């Protein structure tokens, strides 16, 4: 039995979605912290308390942490997606040995690709889905004409 490389698009896409959530958190906190710091600097000496200063500092730290987490999750998601796409391409080459393969994108259920086989048969916008043990299955595009 042939062993195929693992093709996992779910985790990379969840990592990108998580990075978007943290980006929104950071984008909400940073302007608010800047506004609070500006308001704090306008206060009189007796009203500039340590608790307010510490609260503003904490808000800046959380916004920075959200930015770092955004970058990490985005990098993990992009790297994982590219790895899954290259594994899918390697699995298709192993199973079908196409003369030409151009994988366009993964839509969640299947990949869309242009495939040309050695005998000259060409599938435009073919659907490549995954079967058991990551074995690819290529079928022609289903049209609704």
Protein backbone atom coordinates (compact mmCIF):
# COMPACT_ATOMS: atom_id res chain seq x y z
CA UNK A 1 0.00 0.00 0.00
CA UNK A 2 1.32 3.43 -0.93
CA UNK A 3 1.87 5.96 1.81
CA UNK A 4 0.71 9.48 1.06
CA UNK A 5 1.79 12.68 2.76
CA UNK A 6 -0.71 14.22 5.20
CA UNK A 7 -2.86 16.98 3.73
CA UNK A 8 -4.45 19.04 6.49
CA UNK A 9 -5.99 22.35 5.47
CA UNK A 10 -8.23 22.71 8.53
CA UNK A 11 -5.66 23.68 11.15
CA UNK A 12 -3.89 26.30 9.01
CA UNK A 13 -7.20 27.96 8.18
CA UNK A 14 -8.18 27.95 11.86
CA UNK A 15 -4.82 29.53 12.70
CA UNK A 16 -5.46 32.32 10.20
CA UNK A 17 -8.96 32.85 11.62
CA UNK A 18 -7.50 33.00 15.14
CA UNK A 19 -4.97 35.57 13.98
CA UNK A 20 -7.81 37.73 12.66
CA UNK A 21 -9.51 37.58 16.07
CA UNK A 22 -6.33 38.68 17.83
CA UNK A 23 -5.78 41.39 15.22
CA UNK A 24 -9.22 42.81 16.00
CA UNK A 25 -8.45 42.71 19.72
CA UNK A 26 -5.16 44.55 19.19
CA UNK A 27 -6.74 47.10 16.86
CA UNK A 28 -9.40 47.86 19.44
CA UNK A 29 -7.04 48.15 22.39
CA UNK A 30 -4.23 50.21 20.86
CA UNK A 31 -6.23 53.35 19.96
CA UNK A 32 -8.04 53.14 23.27
CA UNK A 33 -4.73 52.98 25.16
CA UNK A 34 -3.39 55.93 23.15
CA UNK A 35 -6.51 57.96 23.91
CA UNK A 36 -6.27 57.12 27.63
CA UNK A 37 -2.57 58.05 27.75
CA UNK A 38 -3.31 61.41 26.11
CA UNK A 39 -6.16 62.04 28.55
CA UNK A 40 -3.93 60.98 31.45
CA UNK A 41 -1.22 63.47 30.50
CA UNK A 42 -3.79 66.30 30.64
CA UNK A 43 -4.85 65.50 34.20
CA UNK A 44 -3.65 67.57 37.15
CA UNK A 45 -0.93 66.16 39.37
CA UNK A 46 -3.30 64.91 42.05
CA UNK A 47 -5.43 63.04 39.52
CA UNK A 48 -2.52 61.22 37.84
CA UNK A 49 -2.61 58.14 40.04
CA UNK A 50 -0.43 55.06 39.84
CA UNK A 51 -3.50 52.87 39.30
CA UNK A 52 -4.47 54.78 36.15
CA UNK A 53 -0.90 54.71 34.84
CA UNK A 54 -0.64 50.96 35.51
CA UNK A 55 -3.99 50.34 33.81
CA UNK A 56 -2.87 52.20 30.69
CA UNK A 57 0.44 50.32 30.68
CA UNK A 58 -1.44 47.01 30.96
CA UNK A 59 -3.63 47.99 28.03
CA UNK A 60 -0.52 48.71 25.92
CA UNK A 61 1.03 45.37 26.93
CA UNK A 62 -2.12 43.44 26.03
CA UNK A 63 -2.35 45.25 22.66
CA UNK A 64 1.30 44.41 21.94
CA UNK A 65 0.78 40.79 22.99
CA UNK A 66 -2.23 40.57 20.69
CA UNK A 67 -0.06 41.88 17.85
CA UNK A 68 2.62 39.28 18.52
CA UNK A 69 0.05 36.48 18.76
CA UNK A 70 -1.48 37.70 15.49
CA UNK A 71 1.88 37.48 13.74
CA UNK A 72 2.61 34.01 15.15
CA UNK A 73 -0.77 32.54 14.22
CA UNK A 74 -0.62 34.12 10.78
CA UNK A 75 2.85 32.68 10.16
CA UNK A 76 1.74 29.24 11.37
CA UNK A 77 -1.37 29.38 9.19
CA UNK A 78 0.44 30.45 6.03
CA UNK A 79 3.22 27.92 6.54
CA UNK A 80 0.73 25.13 7.23
CA UNK A 81 -1.37 26.02 4.19
CA UNK A 82 1.69 26.04 1.91
CA UNK A 83 2.86 22.73 3.39
CA UNK A 84 -0.57 21.13 2.85
CA UNK A 85 -0.68 22.45 -0.72
CA UNK A 86 2.78 21.03 -1.53
CA UNK A 87 1.82 17.69 0.08
CA UNK A 88 -1.35 17.61 -2.02
CA UNK A 89 0.68 18.24 -5.16
CA UNK A 90 3.15 15.48 -4.23
CA UNK A 91 0.28 13.06 -3.56
CA UNK A 92 -1.32 13.83 -6.94
CA UNK A 93 2.01 13.27 -8.70
CA UNK A 94 2.46 9.99 -6.83
CA UNK A 95 -1.03 8.69 -7.61
CA UNK A 96 -1.56 9.95 -11.18
CA UNK A 97 1.82 11.10 -12.57
CA UNK A 98 0.31 14.01 -14.52
CA UNK A 99 2.34 15.73 -17.24
CA UNK A 100 1.20 19.10 -15.94
CA UNK A 101 -0.51 20.11 -12.70
CA UNK A 102 -1.61 23.59 -11.67
CA UNK A 103 -3.40 23.60 -8.31
CA UNK A 104 -5.26 26.89 -7.96
CA UNK A 105 -6.83 26.88 -4.50
CA UNK A 106 -8.45 24.80 -1.78
CA UNK A 107 -12.07 25.69 -1.09
CA UNK A 108 -12.65 23.62 2.05
CA UNK A 109 -13.88 20.41 0.44
CA UNK A 110 -11.67 20.01 -2.60
CA UNK A 111 -8.89 21.65 -4.54
CA UNK A 112 -9.45 23.17 -7.95
CA UNK A 113 -6.72 22.47 -10.49
CA UNK A 114 -5.87 22.21 -14.16
CA UNK A 115 -4.52 18.74 -14.87
CA UNK A 116 -2.94 17.35 -18.04
CA UNK A 117 -2.15 13.65 -18.11
CA UNK A 118 0.59 11.90 -20.09
CA UNK A 119 -1.91 10.66 -22.71
CA UNK A 120 -2.95 14.26 -23.46
CA UNK A 121 -6.22 14.27 -21.54
CA UNK A 122 -6.77 17.68 -19.97
CA UNK A 123 -9.14 18.60 -17.17
CA UNK A 124 -9.71 22.32 -16.67
CA UNK A 125 -10.85 23.30 -13.18
CA UNK A 126 -10.82 19.67 -12.06
CA UNK A 127 -11.81 18.85 -8.50
CA UNK A 128 -9.21 17.07 -6.39
CA UNK A 129 -10.69 15.62 -3.23
CA UNK A 130 -9.06 13.52 -0.54
CA UNK A 131 -9.99 9.92 0.12
CA UNK A 132 -8.86 7.62 2.91
CA UNK A 133 -5.18 7.84 3.88
CA UNK A 134 -4.82 11.15 1.97
CA UNK A 135 -5.16 9.49 -1.44
CA UNK A 136 -6.20 12.15 -3.99
CA UNK A 137 -9.15 11.62 -6.32
CA UNK A 138 -9.42 13.73 -9.48
CA UNK A 139 -12.72 14.28 -11.23
CA UNK A 140 -13.81 16.64 -13.97
CA UNK A 141 -15.60 19.80 -13.02
CA UNK A 142 -19.30 19.28 -12.59
CA UNK A 143 -21.09 21.87 -14.70
CA UNK A 144 -24.63 23.07 -14.20
CA UNK A 145 -25.40 23.94 -17.86
